[in-house]
Amino acid sequence: MIIDWLTGTAFEAAGTGTTWAELLGFATGVLNVWLVARQRIANWPVGIANVLLLMLLFWTAGLYADAGLQVVYVALGCYGWWHWLFGGERRSRLTVSRTGRGEWLVLAVVGVLLTGALWTLLDRATDSTVPLPDALTTALSLLATYGQTRKRVESWWLWIAADLIYIPLYAYKGLHLTAVLYLVFLALCALGLRAWRTDLRRLDPPTPVAPGPSPVSA
């Protein structure tokens, strides 16, 4: 079966086995973030393949919230694919924009509530050994993905915050290649943030200047 092959060992390093799911998740994950940073529409189908691989990987590692998160990612991936193509003015391609204050407030409230609910669920209903970081990274990742579907430039900051927690979390759970993957993600997120901010500055209209004589320097 394909699942048996994916959960089988691809290679061993320092006495730790790496499965084919983790190896392929590494490759598709790097490609996906690279495509997002460059605003390529192909990031969405690649990303959907990536999250299906990670779903299997996280479930076998006991990261249940992360595994469940991948199901939501599939739905968000389909939505983001459509929205990037037709979410702009008059159903044109979407352009980079900023997150408004009201939107930030809603995201903050949702993030706190989601983290608390997942933390409680994981602590009481599963054998998770890392309920709080698993819940927090799940919430941050969902908020970041929402921002990505809307091409909000601040979504990169949310991804950076999540990656800074993911890296030691995956290392602790023995998913060393995935920890390295998220280190690569961290670097790609910094590049993506820079690229999107550059694009945003190009799209922002210049500030209008009131008519009248130019100010005289003292």
C-alpha atoms as a PDB file:
ATOM      1  CA  MET A   1       0.000   0.000   0.000  1.00  0.00           C
ATOM      2  CA  ILE A   2       1.066   3.571  -0.649  1.00  0.00           C
ATOM      3  CA  ILE A   3       0.663   4.500   3.041  1.00  0.00           C
ATOM      4  CA  ASP A   4       2.934   1.652   4.109  1.00  0.00           C
ATOM      5  CA  TRP A   5       5.572   2.855   1.636  1.00  0.00           C
ATOM      6  CA  LEU A   6       5.243   6.481   2.761  1.00  0.00           C
ATOM      7  CA  THR A   7       5.619   5.536   6.420  1.00  0.00           C
ATOM      8  CA  GLY A   8       8.563   3.274   5.644  1.00  0.00           C
ATOM      9  CA  THR A   9      12.151   4.382   6.240  1.00  0.00           C
ATOM     10  CA  ALA A  10      13.818   6.188   3.342  1.00  0.00           C
ATOM     11  CA  PHE A  11      17.205   6.500   5.066  1.00  0.00           C
ATOM     12  CA  GLU A  12      18.806   6.677   8.492  1.00  0.00           C
ATOM     13  CA  ALA A  13      21.078   9.384   9.882  1.00  0.00           C
ATOM     14  CA  ALA A  14      22.678   9.328  13.337  1.00  0.00           C
ATOM     15  CA  GLY A  15      20.525   6.342  14.231  1.00  0.00           C
ATOM     16  CA  THR A  16      17.262   8.125  13.417  1.00  0.00           C
ATOM     17  CA  GLY A  17      15.091   6.945  10.529  1.00  0.00           C
ATOM     18  CA  THR A  18      13.474   9.356   8.074  1.00  0.00           C
ATOM     19  CA  THR A  19      10.298   8.233   6.313  1.00  0.00           C
ATOM     20  CA  TRP A  20       9.425   8.814   2.678  1.00  0.00           C
ATOM     21  CA  ALA A  21       6.518  11.008   3.835  1.00  0.00           C
ATOM     22  CA  GLU A  22       8.931  13.276   5.715  1.00  0.00           C
ATOM     23  CA  LEU A  23      11.392  13.341   2.812  1.00  0.00           C
ATOM     24  CA  LEU A  24       8.740  14.178   0.209  1.00  0.00           C
ATOM     25  CA  GLY A  25       7.154  16.642   2.626  1.00  0.00           C
ATOM     26  CA  PHE A  26      10.523  18.388   2.858  1.00  0.00           C
ATOM     27  CA  ALA A  27      10.851  18.682  -0.933  1.00  0.00           C
ATOM     28  CA  THR A  28       7.283  19.837  -1.631  1.00  0.00           C
ATOM     29  CA  GLY A  29       7.352  22.193   1.361  1.00  0.00           C
ATOM     30  CA  VAL A  30      10.445  24.049   0.190  1.00  0.00           C
ATOM     31  CA  LEU A  31       9.063  24.296  -3.332  1.00  0.00           C
ATOM     32  CA  ASN A  32       5.716  25.540  -2.021  1.00  0.00           C
ATOM     33  CA  VAL A  33       7.133  28.408   0.075  1.00  0.00           C
ATOM     34  CA  TRP A  34       9.475  29.397  -2.773  1.00  0.00           C
ATOM     35  CA  LEU A  35       6.475  29.630  -5.110  1.00  0.00           C
ATOM     36  CA  VAL A  36       4.428  31.619  -2.560  1.00  0.00           C
ATOM     37  CA  ALA A  37       7.249  34.137  -2.099  1.00  0.00           C
ATOM     38  CA  ARG A  38       7.216  34.692  -5.861  1.00  0.00           C
ATOM     39  CA  GLN A  39       3.401  34.827  -6.007  1.00  0.00           C
ATOM     40  CA  ARG A  40       3.204  31.869  -8.379  1.00  0.00           C
ATOM     41  CA  ILE A  41      -0.253  30.301  -8.574  1.00  0.00           C
ATOM     42  CA  ALA A  42       1.340  26.831  -8.728  1.00  0.00           C
ATOM     43  CA  ASN A  43       2.056  27.107  -4.997  1.00  0.00           C
ATOM     44  CA  TRP A  44      -1.499  25.985  -4.238  1.00  0.00           C
ATOM     45  CA  PRO A  45      -1.518  22.500  -5.865  1.00  0.00           C
ATOM     46  CA  VAL A  46       2.033  21.893  -4.610  1.00  0.00           C
ATOM     47  CA  GLY A  47       0.934  23.026  -1.155  1.00  0.00           C
ATOM     48  CA  ILE A  48      -2.050  20.661  -1.146  1.00  0.00           C
ATOM     49  CA  ALA A  49       0.244  17.727  -1.953  1.00  0.00           C
ATOM     50  CA  ASN A  50       2.583  18.883   0.812  1.00  0.00           C
ATOM     51  CA  VAL A  51      -0.082  19.035   3.515  1.00  0.00           C
ATOM     52  CA  LEU A  52      -1.400  15.561   2.650  1.00  0.00           C
ATOM     53  CA  LEU A  53       2.105  14.187   3.210  1.00  0.00           C
ATOM     54  CA  LEU A  54       2.506  16.132   6.445  1.00  0.00           C
ATOM     55  CA  MET A  55      -0.900  14.941   7.672  1.00  0.00           C
ATOM     56  CA  LEU A  56       0.340  11.354   7.564  1.00  0.00           C
ATOM     57  CA  LEU A  57       3.679  12.292   9.111  1.00  0.00           C
ATOM     58  CA  PHE A  58       2.228  14.245  12.037  1.00  0.00           C
ATOM     59  CA  TRP A  59      -0.414  11.645  12.858  1.00  0.00           C
ATOM     60  CA  THR A  60       2.183   8.904  13.183  1.00  0.00           C
ATOM     61  CA  ALA A  61       4.314  11.221  15.383  1.00  0.00           C
ATOM     62  CA  GLY A  62       1.427  11.973  17.755  1.00  0.00           C
ATOM     63  CA  LEU A  63       1.062  15.627  16.714  1.00  0.00           C
ATOM     64  CA  TYR A  64      -2.690  15.343  16.401  1.00  0.00           C
ATOM     65  CA  ALA A  65      -3.553  19.036  16.162  1.00  0.00           C
ATOM     66  CA  ASP A  66      -0.977  19.478  13.413  1.00  0.00           C
ATOM     67  CA  ALA A  67      -2.389  16.429  11.620  1.00  0.00           C
ATOM     68  CA  GLY A  68      -5.929  17.786  11.833  1.00  0.00           C
ATOM     69  CA  LEU A  69      -4.678  21.180  10.709  1.00  0.00           C
ATOM     70  CA  GLN A  70      -3.653  19.686   7.380  1.00  0.00           C
ATOM     71  CA  VAL A  71      -7.293  18.856   6.587  1.00  0.00           C
ATOM     72  CA  VAL A  72      -8.144  22.530   7.028  1.00  0.00           C
ATOM     73  CA  TYR A  73      -5.131  23.417   4.866  1.00  0.00           C
ATOM     74  CA  VAL A  74      -6.551  21.390   1.981  1.00  0.00           C
ATOM     75  CA  ALA A  75      -9.768  23.427   2.122  1.00  0.00           C
ATOM     76  CA  LEU A  76      -7.830  26.688   2.492  1.00  0.00           C
ATOM     77  CA  GLY A  77      -5.579  25.637  -0.377  1.00  0.00           C
ATOM     78  CA  CYS A  78      -8.560  25.233  -2.693  1.00  0.00           C
ATOM     79  CA  TYR A  79      -9.967  28.586  -1.525  1.00  0.00           C
ATOM     80  CA  GLY A  80      -6.618  30.348  -1.883  1.00  0.00           C
ATOM     81  CA  TRP A  81      -6.120  28.921  -5.363  1.00  0.00           C
ATOM     82  CA  TRP A  82      -9.479  30.351  -6.457  1.00  0.00           C
ATOM     83  CA  HIS A  83      -9.038  33.652  -4.608  1.00  0.00           C
ATOM     84  CA  TRP A  84      -5.576  34.371  -6.064  1.00  0.00           C
ATOM     85  CA  LEU A  85      -7.033  33.886  -9.535  1.00  0.00           C
ATOM     86  CA  PHE A  86     -10.320  35.770  -9.139  1.00  0.00           C
ATOM     87  CA  GLY A  87     -10.229  37.696  -5.831  1.00  0.00           C
ATOM     88  CA  GLY A  88      -9.041  41.021  -7.217  1.00  0.00           C
ATOM     89  CA  GLU A  89     -11.102  43.875  -8.582  1.00  0.00           C
ATOM     90  CA  ARG A  90     -13.633  42.674 -11.171  1.00  0.00           C
ATOM     91  CA  ARG A  91     -12.497  39.089 -10.585  1.00  0.00           C
ATOM     92  CA  SER A  92      -8.944  39.847 -11.644  1.00  0.00           C
ATOM     93  CA  ARG A  93      -5.820  38.366 -10.070  1.00  0.00           C
ATOM     94  CA  LEU A  94      -5.313  39.329  -6.436  1.00  0.00           C
ATOM     95  CA  THR A  95      -2.580  41.808  -5.458  1.00  0.00           C
ATOM     96  CA  VAL A  96      -0.625  42.214  -2.207  1.00  0.00           C
ATOM     97  CA  SER A  97      -2.323  44.305   0.507  1.00  0.00           C
ATOM     98  CA  ARG A  98      -2.058  45.191   4.201  1.00  0.00           C
ATOM     99  CA  THR A  99      -4.063  43.819   7.136  1.00  0.00           C
ATOM    100  CA  GLY A 100      -6.477  46.423   8.529  1.00  0.00           C
ATOM    101  CA  ARG A 101      -6.870  47.222  12.232  1.00  0.00           C
ATOM    102  CA  GLY A 102     -10.306  45.644  12.437  1.00  0.00           C
ATOM    103  CA  GLU A 103      -9.022  42.513  10.735  1.00  0.00           C
ATOM    104  CA  TRP A 104      -6.085  42.341  13.190  1.00  0.00           C
ATOM    105  CA  LEU A 105      -8.503  42.541  16.118  1.00  0.00           C
ATOM    106  CA  VAL A 106     -10.597  39.682  14.767  1.00  0.00           C
ATOM    107  CA  LEU A 107      -7.468  37.596  14.100  1.00  0.00           C
ATOM    108  CA  ALA A 108      -6.166  38.207  17.635  1.00  0.00           C
ATOM    109  CA  VAL A 109      -9.438  37.146  19.253  1.00  0.00           C
ATOM    110  CA  VAL A 110      -9.751  34.077  17.034  1.00  0.00           C
ATOM    111  CA  GLY A 111      -6.116  33.149  17.701  1.00  0.00           C
ATOM    112  CA  VAL A 112      -6.492  33.295  21.501  1.00  0.00           C
ATOM    113  CA  LEU A 113      -9.778  31.354  21.493  1.00  0.00           C
ATOM    114  CA  LEU A 114      -8.483  28.735  19.071  1.00  0.00           C
ATOM    115  CA  THR A 115      -5.264  28.211  21.023  1.00  0.00           C
ATOM    116  CA  GLY A 116      -7.174  27.811  24.289  1.00  0.00           C
ATOM    117  CA  ALA A 117      -9.705  25.390  22.814  1.00  0.00           C
ATOM    118  CA  LEU A 118      -7.079  23.225  21.123  1.00  0.00           C
ATOM    119  CA  TRP A 119      -4.864  23.219  24.209  1.00  0.00           C
ATOM    120  CA  THR A 120      -7.749  21.983  26.359  1.00  0.00           C
ATOM    121  CA  LEU A 121      -8.766  19.369  23.791  1.00  0.00           C
ATOM    122  CA  LEU A 122      -5.248  17.994  23.320  1.00  0.00           C
ATOM    123  CA  ASP A 123      -4.531  17.957  27.045  1.00  0.00           C
ATOM    124  CA  ARG A 124      -7.722  16.127  28.000  1.00  0.00           C
ATOM    125  CA  ALA A 125      -8.611  13.979  25.009  1.00  0.00           C
ATOM    126  CA  THR A 126      -5.260  12.803  23.576  1.00  0.00           C
ATOM    127  CA  ASP A 127      -1.912  11.450  24.731  1.00  0.00           C
ATOM    128  CA  SER A 128      -0.084  14.494  23.319  1.00  0.00           C
ATOM    129  CA  THR A 129       3.091  15.369  25.231  1.00  0.00           C
ATOM    130  CA  VAL A 130       3.170  18.909  23.806  1.00  0.00           C
ATOM    131  CA  PRO A 131      -0.423  20.207  23.961  1.00  0.00           C
ATOM    132  CA  LEU A 132       0.328  23.932  24.325  1.00  0.00           C
ATOM    133  CA  PRO A 133       2.978  24.371  21.584  1.00  0.00           C
ATOM    134  CA  ASP A 134       0.970  22.082  19.297  1.00  0.00           C
ATOM    135  CA  ALA A 135      -2.137  24.215  19.857  1.00  0.00           C
ATOM    136  CA  LEU A 136      -0.304  27.540  19.520  1.00  0.00           C
ATOM    137  CA  THR A 137       1.460  26.617  16.277  1.00  0.00           C
ATOM    138  CA  THR A 138      -1.807  25.288  14.890  1.00  0.00           C
ATOM    139  CA  ALA A 139      -3.565  28.595  15.585  1.00  0.00           C
ATOM    140  CA  LEU A 140      -0.709  30.699  14.198  1.00  0.00           C
ATOM    141  CA  SER A 141      -0.521  28.568  11.064  1.00  0.00           C
ATOM    142  CA  LEU A 142      -4.237  28.876  10.386  1.00  0.00           C
ATOM    143  CA  LEU A 143      -4.135  32.649  10.795  1.00  0.00           C
ATOM    144  CA  ALA A 144      -1.070  32.860   8.555  1.00  0.00           C
ATOM    145  CA  THR A 145      -2.697  30.710   5.895  1.00  0.00           C
ATOM    146  CA  TYR A 146      -5.805  32.893   5.961  1.00  0.00           C
ATOM    147  CA  GLY A 147      -3.590  35.937   5.415  1.00  0.00           C
ATOM    148  CA  GLN A 148      -1.811  34.139   2.600  1.00  0.00           C
ATOM    149  CA  THR A 149      -5.090  33.399   0.807  1.00  0.00           C
ATOM    150  CA  ARG A 150      -5.845  37.149   0.951  1.00  0.00           C
ATOM    151  CA  LYS A 151      -2.253  38.127   0.040  1.00  0.00           C
ATOM    152  CA  ARG A 152      -1.826  40.066   3.279  1.00  0.00           C
ATOM    153  CA  VAL A 153       1.838  41.006   3.610  1.00  0.00           C
ATOM    154  CA  GLU A 154       1.716  40.561   7.414  1.00  0.00           C
ATOM    155  CA  SER A 155       0.946  36.854   6.983  1.00  0.00           C
ATOM    156  CA  TRP A 156       4.718  36.353   6.677  1.00  0.00           C
ATOM    157  CA  TRP A 157       5.214  37.631  10.247  1.00  0.00           C
ATOM    158  CA  LEU A 158       2.719  35.051  11.502  1.00  0.00           C
ATOM    159  CA  TRP A 159       4.563  32.305   9.619  1.00  0.00           C
ATOM    160  CA  ILE A 160       7.876  33.467  11.093  1.00  0.00           C
ATOM    161  CA  ALA A 161       6.428  33.336  14.622  1.00  0.00           C
ATOM    162  CA  ALA A 162       5.047  29.830  14.005  1.00  0.00           C
ATOM    163  CA  ASP A 163       8.325  28.570  12.511  1.00  0.00           C
ATOM    164  CA  LEU A 164      10.311  29.784  15.533  1.00  0.00           C
ATOM    165  CA  ILE A 165       8.181  27.440  17.663  1.00  0.00           C
ATOM    166  CA  TYR A 166       7.956  24.610  15.125  1.00  0.00           C
ATOM    167  CA  ILE A 167      11.731  24.166  14.811  1.00  0.00           C
ATOM    168  CA  PRO A 168      12.450  23.131  18.431  1.00  0.00           C
ATOM    169  CA  LEU A 169       9.088  21.324  18.666  1.00  0.00           C
ATOM    170  CA  TYR A 170       9.848  18.992  15.765  1.00  0.00           C
ATOM    171  CA  ALA A 171      13.402  18.433  16.966  1.00  0.00           C
ATOM    172  CA  TYR A 172      11.996  17.423  20.364  1.00  0.00           C
ATOM    173  CA  LYS A 173       9.596  14.963  18.698  1.00  0.00           C
ATOM    174  CA  GLY A 174      12.447  13.376  16.726  1.00  0.00           C
ATOM    175  CA  LEU A 175      11.366  14.795  13.353  1.00  0.00           C
ATOM    176  CA  HIS A 176      14.818  16.141  12.606  1.00  0.00           C
ATOM    177  CA  LEU A 177      14.435  16.528   8.850  1.00  0.00           C
ATOM    178  CA  THR A 178      11.151  18.380   9.365  1.00  0.00           C
ATOM    179  CA  ALA A 179      12.885  20.648  11.896  1.00  0.00           C
ATOM    180  CA  VAL A 180      15.504  21.431   9.244  1.00  0.00           C
ATOM    181  CA  LEU A 181      12.670  22.004   6.742  1.00  0.00           C
ATOM    182  CA  TYR A 182      11.144  24.635   9.005  1.00  0.00           C
ATOM    183  CA  LEU A 183      14.536  26.275   9.398  1.00  0.00           C
ATOM    184  CA  VAL A 184      14.566  26.571   5.601  1.00  0.00           C
ATOM    185  CA  PHE A 185      10.976  27.843   5.780  1.00  0.00           C
ATOM    186  CA  LEU A 186      12.111  30.539   8.215  1.00  0.00           C
ATOM    187  CA  ALA A 187      14.709  31.806   5.743  1.00  0.00           C
ATOM    188  CA  LEU A 188      12.220  31.633   2.855  1.00  0.00           C
ATOM    189  CA  CYS A 189       9.632  33.526   4.924  1.00  0.00           C
ATOM    190  CA  ALA A 190      12.118  36.353   5.443  1.00  0.00           C
ATOM    191  CA  LEU A 191      12.706  36.459   1.681  1.00  0.00           C
ATOM    192  CA  GLY A 192       8.962  36.281   1.001  1.00  0.00           C
ATOM    193  CA  LEU A 193       8.279  39.147   3.399  1.00  0.00           C
ATOM    194  CA  ARG A 194      10.892  41.264   1.649  1.00  0.00           C
ATOM    195  CA  ALA A 195       9.522  40.434  -1.817  1.00  0.00           C
ATOM    196  CA  TRP A 196       5.890  41.128  -0.889  1.00  0.00           C
ATOM    197  CA  ARG A 197       6.786  44.403   0.851  1.00  0.00           C
ATOM    198  CA  THR A 198       8.660  45.488  -2.267  1.00  0.00           C
ATOM    199  CA  ASP A 199       5.629  44.623  -4.391  1.00  0.00           C
ATOM    200  CA  LEU A 200       3.347  46.464  -1.976  1.00  0.00           C
ATOM    201  CA  ARG A 201       5.443  49.635  -2.188  1.00  0.00           C
ATOM    202  CA  ARG A 202       5.252  49.417  -5.964  1.00  0.00           C
ATOM    203  CA  LEU A 203       1.453  49.099  -5.850  1.00  0.00           C
ATOM    204  CA  ASP A 204       0.848  51.795  -3.206  1.00  0.00           C
ATOM    205  CA  PRO A 205      -0.136  55.121  -4.806  1.00  0.00           C
ATOM    206  CA  PRO A 206       2.100  58.093  -3.964  1.00  0.00           C
ATOM    207  CA  THR A 207       0.926  60.351  -1.131  1.00  0.00           C
ATOM    208  CA  PRO A 208      -0.895  63.379  -2.627  1.00  0.00           C
ATOM    209  CA  VAL A 209       0.697  66.772  -1.977  1.00  0.00           C
ATOM    210  CA  ALA A 210      -1.555  69.740  -1.225  1.00  0.00           C
ATOM    211  CA  PRO A 211      -1.384  72.548  -3.801  1.00  0.00           C
ATOM    212  CA  GLY A 212       0.525  75.670  -2.883  1.00  0.00           C
ATOM    213  CA  PRO A 213       4.070  77.016  -2.669  1.00  0.00           C
ATOM    214  CA  SER A 214       6.865  74.690  -1.613  1.00  0.00           C
ATOM    215  CA  PRO A 215       8.003  75.067   2.007  1.00  0.00           C
ATOM    216  CA  VAL A 216      11.098  77.221   2.431  1.00  0.00           C
ATOM    217  CA  SER A 217      13.944  75.799   4.488  1.00  0.00           C
ATOM    218  CA  ALA A 218      14.937  77.834   7.524  1.00  0.00           C
END
